[in-house]
Amino acid sequence: MVKFFLYLLRWQLSTPILWLVVRNLGSGILSTILANLIGGTIFFWIDKYIFTSKAIEMWHFKEKGICDNCGKEAPLWRLVLAPGYDKRNAEAKYLCFDCSKKKTDELRRRGIPIRGRSK
């Protein structure tokens, strides 16, 4: 509940800027504050879902490096987070395209729904 109220307070910090815009449309400061409270109440839950959802994939990229699997120098990436897959606290292993494709295909066969790196 504390996070929710801090979130609403953060929304209220935008009130002066929003008020400058909406006052030209005939709204006053109290209307602006109320609009911010309503917006904050709606978007708190949406933002919470977006930033904590396990449905989101997280990839890390390197423009160039050595593949930890085959040793080839190439652009590299690693899957960090996906539904049923969490390597945020694991040792970082970056893979080239071919090795990454093999790894993501293997994870898909194990039932982990990965959208990226399917080409």
PDB file of N, CA and C in Angstrom:
ATOM      1  N   MET A   1       0.823  -1.185   0.000  1.00  0.00           N
ATOM      2  CA  MET A   1       0.000   0.000   0.000  1.00  0.00           C
ATOM      3  C   MET A   1       0.878   1.263   0.000  1.00  0.00           C
ATOM      4  N   VAL A   2       2.032   1.181   0.658  1.00  0.00           N
ATOM      5  CA  VAL A   2       2.947   2.322   0.696  1.00  0.00           C
ATOM      6  C   VAL A   2       3.430   2.644  -0.723  1.00  0.00           C
ATOM      7  N   LYS A   3       3.754   1.596  -1.504  1.00  0.00           N
ATOM      8  CA  LYS A   3       4.208   1.822  -2.879  1.00  0.00           C
ATOM      9  C   LYS A   3       3.121   2.517  -3.694  1.00  0.00           C
ATOM     10  N   PHE A   4       1.880   2.115  -3.455  1.00  0.00           N
ATOM     11  CA  PHE A   4       0.765   2.725  -4.180  1.00  0.00           C
ATOM     12  C   PHE A   4       0.687   4.216  -3.879  1.00  0.00           C
ATOM     13  N   PHE A   5       0.788   4.602  -2.601  1.00  0.00           N
ATOM     14  CA  PHE A   5       0.697   6.023  -2.244  1.00  0.00           C
ATOM     15  C   PHE A   5       1.910   6.807  -2.736  1.00  0.00           C
ATOM     16  N   LEU A   6       3.086   6.211  -2.715  1.00  0.00           N
ATOM     17  CA  LEU A   6       4.265   6.875  -3.281  1.00  0.00           C
ATOM     18  C   LEU A   6       4.096   7.070  -4.785  1.00  0.00           C
ATOM     19  N   TYR A   7       3.499   6.086  -5.425  1.00  0.00           N
ATOM     20  CA  TYR A   7       3.230   6.191  -6.858  1.00  0.00           C
ATOM     21  C   TYR A   7       2.263   7.342  -7.136  1.00  0.00           C
ATOM     22  N   LEU A   8       1.206   7.461  -6.337  1.00  0.00           N
ATOM     23  CA  LEU A   8       0.258   8.566  -6.505  1.00  0.00           C
ATOM     24  C   LEU A   8       0.941   9.912  -6.262  1.00  0.00           C
ATOM     25  N   LEU A   9       1.846   9.966  -5.286  1.00  0.00           N
ATOM     26  CA  LEU A   9       2.589  11.192  -5.024  1.00  0.00           C
ATOM     27  C   LEU A   9       3.445  11.555  -6.235  1.00  0.00           C
ATOM     28  N   ARG A  10       4.075  10.563  -6.836  1.00  0.00           N
ATOM     29  CA  ARG A  10       4.877  10.811  -8.028  1.00  0.00           C
ATOM     30  C   ARG A  10       3.997  11.368  -9.147  1.00  0.00           C
ATOM     31  N   TRP A  11       2.812  10.837  -9.288  1.00  0.00           N
ATOM     32  CA  TRP A  11       1.890  11.354 -10.295  1.00  0.00           C
ATOM     33  C   TRP A  11       1.546  12.806  -9.996  1.00  0.00           C
ATOM     34  N   GLN A  12       1.386  13.144  -8.737  1.00  0.00           N
ATOM     35  CA  GLN A  12       1.029  14.519  -8.377  1.00  0.00           C
ATOM     36  C   GLN A  12       2.147  15.499  -8.706  1.00  0.00           C
ATOM     37  N   LEU A  13       3.359  15.030  -8.758  1.00  0.00           N
ATOM     38  CA  LEU A  13       4.472  15.911  -9.121  1.00  0.00           C
ATOM     39  C   LEU A  13       4.330  16.433 -10.553  1.00  0.00           C
ATOM     40  N   SER A  14       3.559  15.729 -11.362  1.00  0.00           N
ATOM     41  CA  SER A  14       3.337  16.197 -12.737  1.00  0.00           C
ATOM     42  C   SER A  14       2.181  17.196 -12.825  1.00  0.00           C
ATOM     43  N   THR A  15       1.494  17.432 -11.719  1.00  0.00           N
ATOM     44  CA  THR A  15       0.326  18.316 -11.723  1.00  0.00           C
ATOM     45  C   THR A  15       0.623  19.714 -12.263  1.00  0.00           C
ATOM     46  N   PRO A  16       1.694  20.389 -11.825  1.00  0.00           N
ATOM     47  CA  PRO A  16       1.928  21.742 -12.348  1.00  0.00           C
ATOM     48  C   PRO A  16       2.074  21.793 -13.869  1.00  0.00           C
ATOM     49  N   ILE A  17       2.765  20.825 -14.437  1.00  0.00           N
ATOM     50  CA  ILE A  17       2.951  20.809 -15.890  1.00  0.00           C
ATOM     51  C   ILE A  17       1.628  20.499 -16.576  1.00  0.00           C
ATOM     52  N   LEU A  18       0.925  19.502 -16.063  1.00  0.00           N
ATOM     53  CA  LEU A  18      -0.364  19.141 -16.638  1.00  0.00           C
ATOM     54  C   LEU A  18      -1.358  20.294 -16.522  1.00  0.00           C
ATOM     55  N   TRP A  19      -1.337  20.980 -15.398  1.00  0.00           N
ATOM     56  CA  TRP A  19      -2.264  22.091 -15.177  1.00  0.00           C
ATOM     57  C   TRP A  19      -2.043  23.217 -16.190  1.00  0.00           C
ATOM     58  N   LEU A  20      -0.777  23.488 -16.504  1.00  0.00           N
ATOM     59  CA  LEU A  20      -0.490  24.522 -17.499  1.00  0.00           C
ATOM     60  C   LEU A  20      -1.135  24.190 -18.840  1.00  0.00           C
ATOM     61  N   VAL A  21      -1.193  22.906 -19.145  1.00  0.00           N
ATOM     62  CA  VAL A  21      -1.788  22.495 -20.416  1.00  0.00           C
ATOM     63  C   VAL A  21      -3.307  22.524 -20.342  1.00  0.00           C
ATOM     64  N   VAL A  22      -3.875  21.920 -19.283  1.00  0.00           N
ATOM     65  CA  VAL A  22      -5.333  21.783 -19.241  1.00  0.00           C
ATOM     66  C   VAL A  22      -6.056  23.067 -18.832  1.00  0.00           C
ATOM     67  N   ARG A  23      -5.367  24.032 -18.227  1.00  0.00           N
ATOM     68  CA  ARG A  23      -6.065  25.267 -17.847  1.00  0.00           C
ATOM     69  C   ARG A  23      -6.549  26.021 -19.077  1.00  0.00           C
ATOM     70  N   ASN A  24      -5.824  25.846 -20.182  1.00  0.00           N
ATOM     71  CA  ASN A  24      -6.266  26.461 -21.432  1.00  0.00           C
ATOM     72  C   ASN A  24      -7.521  25.790 -21.980  1.00  0.00           C
ATOM     73  N   LEU A  25      -7.835  24.626 -21.452  1.00  0.00           N
ATOM     74  CA  LEU A  25      -9.037  23.917 -21.878  1.00  0.00           C
ATOM     75  C   LEU A  25     -10.196  24.165 -20.903  1.00  0.00           C
ATOM     76  N   GLY A  26      -9.975  25.028 -19.911  1.00  0.00           N
ATOM     77  CA  GLY A  26     -11.042  25.390 -18.986  1.00  0.00           C
ATOM     78  C   GLY A  26     -11.042  24.623 -17.678  1.00  0.00           C
ATOM     79  N   SER A  27     -10.031  23.841 -17.393  1.00  0.00           N
ATOM     80  CA  SER A  27      -9.979  23.079 -16.143  1.00  0.00           C
ATOM     81  C   SER A  27      -9.133  23.802 -15.120  1.00  0.00           C
ATOM     82  N   GLY A  28      -9.478  23.642 -13.861  1.00  0.00           N
ATOM     83  CA  GLY A  28      -8.731  24.261 -12.781  1.00  0.00           C
ATOM     84  C   GLY A  28      -7.742  23.298 -12.146  1.00  0.00           C
ATOM     85  N   ILE A  29      -7.052  23.778 -11.130  1.00  0.00           N
ATOM     86  CA  ILE A  29      -6.029  22.985 -10.445  1.00  0.00           C
ATOM     87  C   ILE A  29      -6.641  21.782  -9.733  1.00  0.00           C
ATOM     88  N   LEU A  30      -7.818  21.934  -9.140  1.00  0.00           N
ATOM     89  CA  LEU A  30      -8.446  20.794  -8.452  1.00  0.00           C
ATOM     90  C   LEU A  30      -8.836  19.699  -9.437  1.00  0.00           C
ATOM     91  N   SER A  31      -9.310  20.091 -10.611  1.00  0.00           N
ATOM     92  CA  SER A  31      -9.627  19.108 -11.651  1.00  0.00           C
ATOM     93  C   SER A  31      -8.374  18.366 -12.095  1.00  0.00           C
ATOM     94  N   THR A  32      -7.276  19.098 -12.172  1.00  0.00           N
ATOM     95  CA  THR A  32      -6.012  18.492 -12.581  1.00  0.00           C
ATOM     96  C   THR A  32      -5.524  17.500 -11.540  1.00  0.00           C
ATOM     97  N   ILE A  33      -5.623  17.878 -10.259  1.00  0.00           N
ATOM     98  CA  ILE A  33      -5.218  16.969  -9.186  1.00  0.00           C
ATOM     99  C   ILE A  33      -6.081  15.711  -9.217  1.00  0.00           C
ATOM    100  N   LEU A  34      -7.381  15.879  -9.364  1.00  0.00           N
ATOM    101  CA  LEU A  34      -8.284  14.733  -9.426  1.00  0.00           C
ATOM    102  C   LEU A  34      -7.964  13.845 -10.628  1.00  0.00           C
ATOM    103  N   ALA A  35      -7.689  14.458 -11.772  1.00  0.00           N
ATOM    104  CA  ALA A  35      -7.337  13.683 -12.968  1.00  0.00           C
ATOM    105  C   ALA A  35      -6.057  12.883 -12.729  1.00  0.00           C
ATOM    106  N   ASN A  36      -5.088  13.480 -12.045  1.00  0.00           N
ATOM    107  CA  ASN A  36      -3.852  12.769 -11.736  1.00  0.00           C
ATOM    108  C   ASN A  36      -4.094  11.617 -10.778  1.00  0.00           C
ATOM    109  N   LEU A  37      -4.967  11.794  -9.801  1.00  0.00           N
ATOM    110  CA  LEU A  37      -5.277  10.705  -8.869  1.00  0.00           C
ATOM    111  C   LEU A  37      -5.956   9.546  -9.601  1.00  0.00           C
ATOM    112  N   ILE A  38      -6.858   9.871 -10.500  1.00  0.00           N
ATOM    113  CA  ILE A  38      -7.529   8.831 -11.280  1.00  0.00           C
ATOM    114  C   ILE A  38      -6.521   8.116 -12.193  1.00  0.00           C
ATOM    115  N   GLY A  39      -5.703   8.900 -12.893  1.00  0.00           N
ATOM    116  CA  GLY A  39      -4.678   8.303 -13.766  1.00  0.00           C
ATOM    117  C   GLY A  39      -3.698   7.445 -12.992  1.00  0.00           C
ATOM    118  N   GLY A  40      -3.254   7.924 -11.845  1.00  0.00           N
ATOM    119  CA  GLY A  40      -2.326   7.159 -11.021  1.00  0.00           C
ATOM    120  C   GLY A  40      -2.934   5.863 -10.525  1.00  0.00           C
ATOM    121  N   THR A  41      -4.213   5.921 -10.149  1.00  0.00           N
ATOM    122  CA  THR A  41      -4.890   4.719  -9.668  1.00  0.00           C
ATOM    123  C   THR A  41      -5.005   3.671 -10.778  1.00  0.00           C
ATOM    124  N   ILE A  42      -5.235   4.111 -11.986  1.00  0.00           N
ATOM    125  CA  ILE A  42      -5.332   3.176 -13.113  1.00  0.00           C
ATOM    126  C   ILE A  42      -3.952   2.645 -13.497  1.00  0.00           C
ATOM    127  N   PHE A  43      -3.006   3.562 -13.706  1.00  0.00           N
ATOM    128  CA  PHE A  43      -1.717   3.146 -14.249  1.00  0.00           C
ATOM    129  C   PHE A  43      -0.791   2.491 -13.238  1.00  0.00           C
ATOM    130  N   PHE A  44      -1.052   2.633 -11.955  1.00  0.00           N
ATOM    131  CA  PHE A  44      -0.248   1.919 -10.955  1.00  0.00           C
ATOM    132  C   PHE A  44      -0.299   0.424 -11.231  1.00  0.00           C
ATOM    133  N   TRP A  45      -1.489  -0.098 -11.462  1.00  0.00           N
ATOM    134  CA  TRP A  45      -1.654  -1.542 -11.664  1.00  0.00           C
ATOM    135  C   TRP A  45      -1.103  -1.982 -13.009  1.00  0.00           C
ATOM    136  N   ILE A  46      -1.268  -1.146 -14.015  1.00  0.00           N
ATOM    137  CA  ILE A  46      -0.716  -1.480 -15.328  1.00  0.00           C
ATOM    138  C   ILE A  46       0.806  -1.478 -15.281  1.00  0.00           C
ATOM    139  N   ASP A  47       1.400  -0.439 -14.693  1.00  0.00           N
ATOM    140  CA  ASP A  47       2.864  -0.376 -14.576  1.00  0.00           C
ATOM    141  C   ASP A  47       3.395  -1.512 -13.712  1.00  0.00           C
ATOM    142  N   LYS A  48       2.705  -1.838 -12.645  1.00  0.00           N
ATOM    143  CA  LYS A  48       3.132  -2.946 -11.777  1.00  0.00           C
ATOM    144  C   LYS A  48       3.181  -4.241 -12.581  1.00  0.00           C
ATOM    145  N   TYR A  49       2.159  -4.474 -13.398  1.00  0.00           N
ATOM    146  CA  TYR A  49       2.155  -5.674 -14.234  1.00  0.00           C
ATOM    147  C   TYR A  49       3.311  -5.653 -15.231  1.00  0.00           C
ATOM    148  N   ILE A  50       3.496  -4.524 -15.893  1.00  0.00           N
ATOM    149  CA  ILE A  50       4.533  -4.430 -16.919  1.00  0.00           C
ATOM    150  C   ILE A  50       5.917  -4.691 -16.335  1.00  0.00           C
ATOM    151  N   PHE A  51       6.217  -4.088 -15.191  1.00  0.00           N
ATOM    152  CA  PHE A  51       7.575  -4.156 -14.658  1.00  0.00           C
ATOM    153  C   PHE A  51       7.838  -5.360 -13.778  1.00  0.00           C
ATOM    154  N   THR A  52       6.813  -6.146 -13.441  1.00  0.00           N
ATOM    155  CA  THR A  52       7.043  -7.344 -12.630  1.00  0.00           C
ATOM    156  C   THR A  52       6.553  -8.607 -13.311  1.00  0.00           C
ATOM    157  N   SER A  53       6.019  -8.496 -14.515  1.00  0.00           N
ATOM    158  CA  SER A  53       5.433  -9.633 -15.202  1.00  0.00           C
ATOM    159  C   SER A  53       6.495 -10.650 -15.601  1.00  0.00           C
ATOM    160  N   LYS A  54       6.180 -11.894 -15.362  1.00  0.00           N
ATOM    161  CA  LYS A  54       7.051 -12.986 -15.810  1.00  0.00           C
ATOM    162  C   LYS A  54       6.834 -13.290 -17.288  1.00  0.00           C
ATOM    163  N   ALA A  55       5.840 -12.637 -17.901  1.00  0.00           N
ATOM    164  CA  ALA A  55       5.550 -12.861 -19.314  1.00  0.00           C
ATOM    165  C   ALA A  55       6.519 -12.095 -20.211  1.00  0.00           C
ATOM    166  N   ILE A  56       7.320 -11.240 -19.622  1.00  0.00           N
ATOM    167  CA  ILE A  56       8.235 -10.407 -20.398  1.00  0.00           C
ATOM    168  C   ILE A  56       9.590 -11.104 -20.528  1.00  0.00           C
ATOM    169  N   GLU A  57      10.144 -11.065 -21.724  1.00  0.00           N
ATOM    170  CA  GLU A  57      11.488 -11.590 -21.941  1.00  0.00           C
ATOM    171  C   GLU A  57      12.510 -10.469 -21.753  1.00  0.00           C
ATOM    172  N   MET A  58      13.642 -10.826 -21.191  1.00  0.00           N
ATOM    173  CA  MET A  58      14.739  -9.876 -21.051  1.00  0.00           C
ATOM    174  C   MET A  58      15.976 -10.489 -21.701  1.00  0.00           C
ATOM    175  N   TRP A  59      16.555  -9.753 -22.632  1.00  0.00           N
ATOM    176  CA  TRP A  59      17.766 -10.179 -23.322  1.00  0.00           C
ATOM    177  C   TRP A  59      18.878  -9.171 -23.037  1.00  0.00           C
ATOM    178  N   HIS A  60      20.105  -9.651 -22.954  1.00  0.00           N
ATOM    179  CA  HIS A  60      21.282  -8.783 -22.870  1.00  0.00           C
ATOM    180  C   HIS A  60      22.064  -8.966 -24.170  1.00  0.00           C
ATOM    181  N   PHE A  61      22.611  -7.859 -24.676  1.00  0.00           N
ATOM    182  CA  PHE A  61      23.310  -7.877 -25.957  1.00  0.00           C
ATOM    183  C   PHE A  61      24.727  -7.330 -25.822  1.00  0.00           C
ATOM    184  N   LYS A  62      25.611  -7.825 -26.666  1.00  0.00           N
ATOM    185  CA  LYS A  62      26.950  -7.265 -26.854  1.00  0.00           C
ATOM    186  C   LYS A  62      27.156  -7.119 -28.354  1.00  0.00           C
ATOM    187  N   GLU A  63      27.670  -5.959 -28.761  1.00  0.00           N
ATOM    188  CA  GLU A  63      27.880  -5.740 -30.197  1.00  0.00           C
ATOM    189  C   GLU A  63      28.879  -6.722 -30.786  1.00  0.00           C
ATOM    190  N   LYS A  64      29.904  -7.044 -30.016  1.00  0.00           N
ATOM    191  CA  LYS A  64      30.922  -7.962 -30.506  1.00  0.00           C
ATOM    192  C   LYS A  64      31.599  -8.625 -29.313  1.00  0.00           C
ATOM    193  N   GLY A  65      31.909  -9.877 -29.463  1.00  0.00           N
ATOM    194  CA  GLY A  65      32.593 -10.604 -28.405  1.00  0.00           C
ATOM    195  C   GLY A  65      32.841 -12.035 -28.835  1.00  0.00           C
ATOM    196  N   ILE A  66      33.315 -12.837 -27.886  1.00  0.00           N
ATOM    197  CA  ILE A  66      33.619 -14.239 -28.136  1.00  0.00           C
ATOM    198  C   ILE A  66      32.491 -15.089 -27.559  1.00  0.00           C
ATOM    199  N   CYS A  67      31.912 -15.951 -28.386  1.00  0.00           N
ATOM    200  CA  CYS A  67      30.831 -16.828 -27.957  1.00  0.00           C
ATOM    201  C   CYS A  67      31.347 -17.765 -26.868  1.00  0.00           C
ATOM    202  N   ASP A  68      30.621 -17.844 -25.756  1.00  0.00           N
ATOM    203  CA  ASP A  68      31.025 -18.717 -24.649  1.00  0.00           C
ATOM    204  C   ASP A  68      30.818 -20.196 -24.972  1.00  0.00           C
ATOM    205  N   ASN A  69      30.165 -20.488 -26.082  1.00  0.00           N
ATOM    206  CA  ASN A  69      29.917 -21.883 -26.436  1.00  0.00           C
ATOM    207  C   ASN A  69      30.891 -22.376 -27.505  1.00  0.00           C
ATOM    208  N   CYS A  70      31.003 -21.647 -28.612  1.00  0.00           N
ATOM    209  CA  CYS A  70      31.824 -22.128 -29.726  1.00  0.00           C
ATOM    210  C   CYS A  70      33.119 -21.339 -29.917  1.00  0.00           C
ATOM    211  N   GLY A  71      33.256 -20.181 -29.272  1.00  0.00           N
ATOM    212  CA  GLY A  71      34.475 -19.389 -29.370  1.00  0.00           C
ATOM    213  C   GLY A  71      34.535 -18.457 -30.572  1.00  0.00           C
ATOM    214  N   LYS A  72      33.469 -18.400 -31.367  1.00  0.00           N
ATOM    215  CA  LYS A  72      33.444 -17.534 -32.554  1.00  0.00           C
ATOM    216  C   LYS A  72      33.279 -16.075 -32.134  1.00  0.00           C
ATOM    217  N   GLU A  73      33.996 -15.158 -32.826  1.00  0.00           N
ATOM    218  CA  GLU A  73      33.830 -13.734 -32.573  1.00  0.00           C
ATOM    219  C   GLU A  73      32.648 -13.240 -33.401  1.00  0.00           C
ATOM    220  N   ALA A  74      31.666 -12.639 -32.710  1.00  0.00           N
ATOM    221  CA  ALA A  74      30.434 -12.235 -33.380  1.00  0.00           C
ATOM    222  C   ALA A  74      29.618 -11.355 -32.449  1.00  0.00           C
ATOM    223  N   PRO A  75      28.523 -10.766 -32.951  1.00  0.00           N
ATOM    224  CA  PRO A  75      27.567 -10.133 -32.034  1.00  0.00           C
ATOM    225  C   PRO A  75      26.991 -11.223 -31.119  1.00  0.00           C
ATOM    226  N   LEU A  76      26.772 -10.878 -29.860  1.00  0.00           N
ATOM    227  CA  LEU A  76      26.349 -11.880 -28.880  1.00  0.00           C
ATOM    228  C   LEU A  76      25.111 -11.433 -28.128  1.00  0.00           C
ATOM    229  N   TRP A  77      24.374 -12.377 -27.605  1.00  0.00           N
ATOM    230  CA  TRP A  77      23.244 -12.082 -26.731  1.00  0.00           C
ATOM    231  C   TRP A  77      23.031 -13.250 -25.800  1.00  0.00           C
ATOM    232  N   ARG A  78      22.235 -12.989 -24.769  1.00  0.00           N
ATOM    233  CA  ARG A  78      21.849 -14.045 -23.837  1.00  0.00           C
ATOM    234  C   ARG A  78      20.444 -13.773 -23.354  1.00  0.00           C
ATOM    235  N   LEU A  79      19.688 -14.836 -23.217  1.00  0.00           N
ATOM    236  CA  LEU A  79      18.359 -14.741 -22.644  1.00  0.00           C
ATOM    237  C   LEU A  79      18.523 -14.727 -21.132  1.00  0.00           C
ATOM    238  N   VAL A  80      17.966 -13.702 -20.497  1.00  0.00           N
ATOM    239  CA  VAL A  80      18.099 -13.554 -19.056  1.00  0.00           C
ATOM    240  C   VAL A  80      16.816 -13.979 -18.346  1.00  0.00           C
ATOM    241  N   LEU A  81      15.672 -13.591 -18.909  1.00  0.00           N
ATOM    242  CA  LEU A  81      14.398 -13.838 -18.231  1.00  0.00           C
ATOM    243  C   LEU A  81      13.317 -14.142 -19.249  1.00  0.00           C
ATOM    244  N   ALA A  82      12.550 -15.192 -18.978  1.00  0.00           N
ATOM    245  CA  ALA A  82      11.381 -15.568 -19.779  1.00  0.00           C
ATOM    246  C   ALA A  82      10.461 -16.353 -18.849  1.00  0.00           C
ATOM    247  N   PRO A  83       9.220 -16.582 -19.240  1.00  0.00           N
ATOM    248  CA  PRO A  83       8.340 -17.382 -18.389  1.00  0.00           C
ATOM    249  C   PRO A  83       8.946 -18.758 -18.106  1.00  0.00           C
ATOM    250  N   GLY A  84       9.166 -19.067 -16.847  1.00  0.00           N
ATOM    251  CA  GLY A  84       9.763 -20.348 -16.462  1.00  0.00           C
ATOM    252  C   GLY A  84      11.270 -20.406 -16.619  1.00  0.00           C
ATOM    253  N   TYR A  85      11.912 -19.266 -16.846  1.00  0.00           N
ATOM    254  CA  TYR A  85      13.359 -19.228 -17.079  1.00  0.00           C
ATOM    255  C   TYR A  85      13.894 -17.939 -16.473  1.00  0.00           C
ATOM    256  N   ASP A  86      14.820 -18.057 -15.505  1.00  0.00           N
ATOM    257  CA  ASP A  86      15.366 -16.877 -14.834  1.00  0.00           C
ATOM    258  C   ASP A  86      16.856 -17.074 -14.590  1.00  0.00           C
ATOM    259  N   LYS A  87      17.670 -16.367 -15.336  1.00  0.00           N
ATOM    260  CA  LYS A  87      19.136 -16.453 -15.214  1.00  0.00           C
ATOM    261  C   LYS A  87      19.737 -15.137 -14.741  1.00  0.00           C
ATOM    262  N   ARG A  88      18.927 -14.314 -14.033  1.00  0.00           N
ATOM    263  CA  ARG A  88      19.441 -13.026 -13.552  1.00  0.00           C
ATOM    264  C   ARG A  88      20.583 -13.193 -12.568  1.00  0.00           C
ATOM    265  N   ASN A  89      20.588 -14.264 -11.805  1.00  0.00           N
ATOM    266  CA  ASN A  89      21.635 -14.472 -10.804  1.00  0.00           C
ATOM    267  C   ASN A  89      22.657 -15.519 -11.231  1.00  0.00           C
ATOM    268  N   ALA A  90      22.577 -15.970 -12.468  1.00  0.00           N
ATOM    269  CA  ALA A  90      23.506 -16.978 -12.974  1.00  0.00           C
ATOM    270  C   ALA A  90      24.696 -16.297 -13.661  1.00  0.00           C
ATOM    271  N   GLU A  91      25.741 -17.067 -13.847  1.00  0.00           N
ATOM    272  CA  GLU A  91      26.903 -16.562 -14.582  1.00  0.00           C
ATOM    273  C   GLU A  91      26.479 -16.208 -16.004  1.00  0.00           C
ATOM    274  N   ALA A  92      26.902 -15.048 -16.467  1.00  0.00           N
ATOM    275  CA  ALA A  92      26.502 -14.568 -17.797  1.00  0.00           C
ATOM    276  C   ALA A  92      27.239 -15.346 -18.874  1.00  0.00           C
ATOM    277  N   LYS A  93      26.466 -16.022 -19.741  1.00  0.00           N
ATOM    278  CA  LYS A  93      27.033 -16.730 -20.883  1.00  0.00           C
ATOM    279  C   LYS A  93      26.413 -16.153 -22.137  1.00  0.00           C
ATOM    280  N   TYR A  94      27.250 -15.508 -22.955  1.00  0.00           N
ATOM    281  CA  TYR A  94      26.797 -14.877 -24.184  1.00  0.00           C
ATOM    282  C   TYR A  94      27.054 -15.807 -25.361  1.00  0.00           C
ATOM    283  N   LEU A  95      26.069 -15.879 -26.265  1.00  0.00           N
ATOM    284  CA  LEU A  95      26.143 -16.805 -27.384  1.00  0.00           C
ATOM    285  C   LEU A  95      26.017 -16.077 -28.717  1.00  0.00           C
ATOM    286  N   CYS A  96      26.682 -16.631 -29.743  1.00  0.00           N
ATOM    287  CA  CYS A  96      26.538 -16.128 -31.106  1.00  0.00           C
ATOM    288  C   CYS A  96      25.157 -16.542 -31.633  1.00  0.00           C
ATOM    289  N   PHE A  97      24.819 -16.113 -32.831  1.00  0.00           N
ATOM    290  CA  PHE A  97      23.496 -16.397 -33.378  1.00  0.00           C
ATOM    291  C   PHE A  97      23.224 -17.898 -33.443  1.00  0.00           C
ATOM    292  N   ASP A  98      24.157 -18.667 -34.015  1.00  0.00           N
ATOM    293  CA  ASP A  98      23.928 -20.105 -34.196  1.00  0.00           C
ATOM    294  C   ASP A  98      23.758 -20.821 -32.857  1.00  0.00           C
ATOM    295  N   CYS A  99      24.618 -20.521 -31.899  1.00  0.00           N
ATOM    296  CA  CYS A  99      24.522 -21.170 -30.585  1.00  0.00           C
ATOM    297  C   CYS A  99      23.267 -20.722 -29.844  1.00  0.00           C
ATOM    298  N   SER A 100      22.904 -19.445 -29.991  1.00  0.00           N
ATOM    299  CA  SER A 100      21.697 -18.931 -29.352  1.00  0.00           C
ATOM    300  C   SER A 100      20.459 -19.607 -29.940  1.00  0.00           C
ATOM    301  N   LYS A 101      20.460 -19.810 -31.246  1.00  0.00           N
ATOM    302  CA  LYS A 101      19.332 -20.490 -31.906  1.00  0.00           C
ATOM    303  C   LYS A 101      19.175 -21.901 -31.364  1.00  0.00           C
ATOM    304  N   LYS A 102      20.288 -22.623 -31.244  1.00  0.00           N
ATOM    305  CA  LYS A 102      20.235 -23.985 -30.701  1.00  0.00           C
ATOM    306  C   LYS A 102      19.689 -23.974 -29.269  1.00  0.00           C
ATOM    307  N   LYS A 103      20.175 -23.018 -28.470  1.00  0.00           N
ATOM    308  CA  LYS A 103      19.752 -22.932 -27.068  1.00  0.00           C
ATOM    309  C   LYS A 103      18.262 -22.592 -26.951  1.00  0.00           C
ATOM    310  N   THR A 104      17.796 -21.599 -27.723  1.00  0.00           N
ATOM    311  CA  THR A 104      16.390 -21.236 -27.628  1.00  0.00           C
ATOM    312  C   THR A 104      15.489 -22.347 -28.167  1.00  0.00           C
ATOM    313  N   ASP A 105      15.933 -23.065 -29.210  1.00  0.00           N
ATOM    314  CA  ASP A 105      15.167 -24.213 -29.706  1.00  0.00           C
ATOM    315  C   ASP A 105      15.061 -25.293 -28.627  1.00  0.00           C
ATOM    316  N   GLU A 106      16.166 -25.521 -27.916  1.00  0.00           N
ATOM    317  CA  GLU A 106      16.166 -26.505 -26.822  1.00  0.00           C
ATOM    318  C   GLU A 106      15.206 -26.078 -25.706  1.00  0.00           C
ATOM    319  N   LEU A 107      15.224 -24.797 -25.351  1.00  0.00           N
ATOM    320  CA  LEU A 107      14.326 -24.301 -24.308  1.00  0.00           C
ATOM    321  C   LEU A 107      12.866 -24.405 -24.745  1.00  0.00           C
ATOM    322  N   ARG A 108      12.586 -24.139 -26.013  1.00  0.00           N
ATOM    323  CA  ARG A 108      11.215 -24.283 -26.525  1.00  0.00           C
ATOM    324  C   ARG A 108      10.749 -25.738 -26.435  1.00  0.00           C
ATOM    325  N   ARG A 109      11.654 -26.677 -26.754  1.00  0.00           N
ATOM    326  CA  ARG A 109      11.300 -28.102 -26.652  1.00  0.00           C
ATOM    327  C   ARG A 109      10.989 -28.488 -25.206  1.00  0.00           C
ATOM    328  N   ARG A 110      11.623 -27.796 -24.258  1.00  0.00           N
ATOM    329  CA  ARG A 110      11.366 -28.052 -22.828  1.00  0.00           C
ATOM    330  C   ARG A 110      10.110 -27.339 -22.336  1.00  0.00           C
ATOM    331  N   GLY A 111       9.440 -26.594 -23.234  1.00  0.00           N
ATOM    332  CA  GLY A 111       8.181 -25.960 -22.876  1.00  0.00           C
ATOM    333  C   GLY A 111       8.274 -24.521 -22.428  1.00  0.00           C
ATOM    334  N   ILE A 112       9.441 -23.888 -22.591  1.00  0.00           N
ATOM    335  CA  ILE A 112       9.607 -22.489 -22.214  1.00  0.00           C
ATOM    336  C   ILE A 112       9.239 -21.633 -23.432  1.00  0.00           C
ATOM    337  N   PRO A 113       8.195 -20.800 -23.305  1.00  0.00           N
ATOM    338  CA  PRO A 113       7.723 -20.021 -24.462  1.00  0.00           C
ATOM    339  C   PRO A 113       8.597 -18.803 -24.729  1.00  0.00           C
ATOM    340  N   ILE A 114       9.517 -18.934 -25.657  1.00  0.00           N
ATOM    341  CA  ILE A 114      10.434 -17.845 -26.005  1.00  0.00           C
ATOM    342  C   ILE A 114      10.022 -17.294 -27.358  1.00  0.00           C
ATOM    343  N   ARG A 115       9.867 -15.981 -27.442  1.00  0.00           N
ATOM    344  CA  ARG A 115       9.476 -15.348 -28.704  1.00  0.00           C
ATOM    345  C   ARG A 115      10.696 -14.952 -29.529  1.00  0.00           C
ATOM    346  N   GLY A 116      11.711 -14.377 -28.886  1.00  0.00           N
ATOM    347  CA  GLY A 116      12.865 -13.839 -29.608  1.00  0.00           C
ATOM    348  C   GLY A 116      13.801 -14.910 -30.123  1.00  0.00           C
ATOM    349  N   ARG A 117      14.712 -14.499 -31.018  1.00  0.00           N
ATOM    350  CA  ARG A 117      15.769 -15.352 -31.563  1.00  0.00           C
ATOM    351  C   ARG A 117      15.230 -16.609 -32.229  1.00  0.00           C
ATOM    352  N   SER A 118      14.205 -16.476 -33.046  1.00  0.00           N
ATOM    353  CA  SER A 118      13.639 -17.666 -33.696  1.00  0.00           C
ATOM    354  C   SER A 118      14.041 -17.802 -35.162  1.00  0.00           C
ATOM    355  N   LYS A 119      14.754 -16.819 -35.700  1.00  0.00           N
ATOM    356  CA  LYS A 119      15.113 -16.862 -37.129  1.00  0.00           C
ATOM    357  C   LYS A 119      16.240 -17.821 -37.375  1.00  0.00           C
TER     358      LYS A 119
END
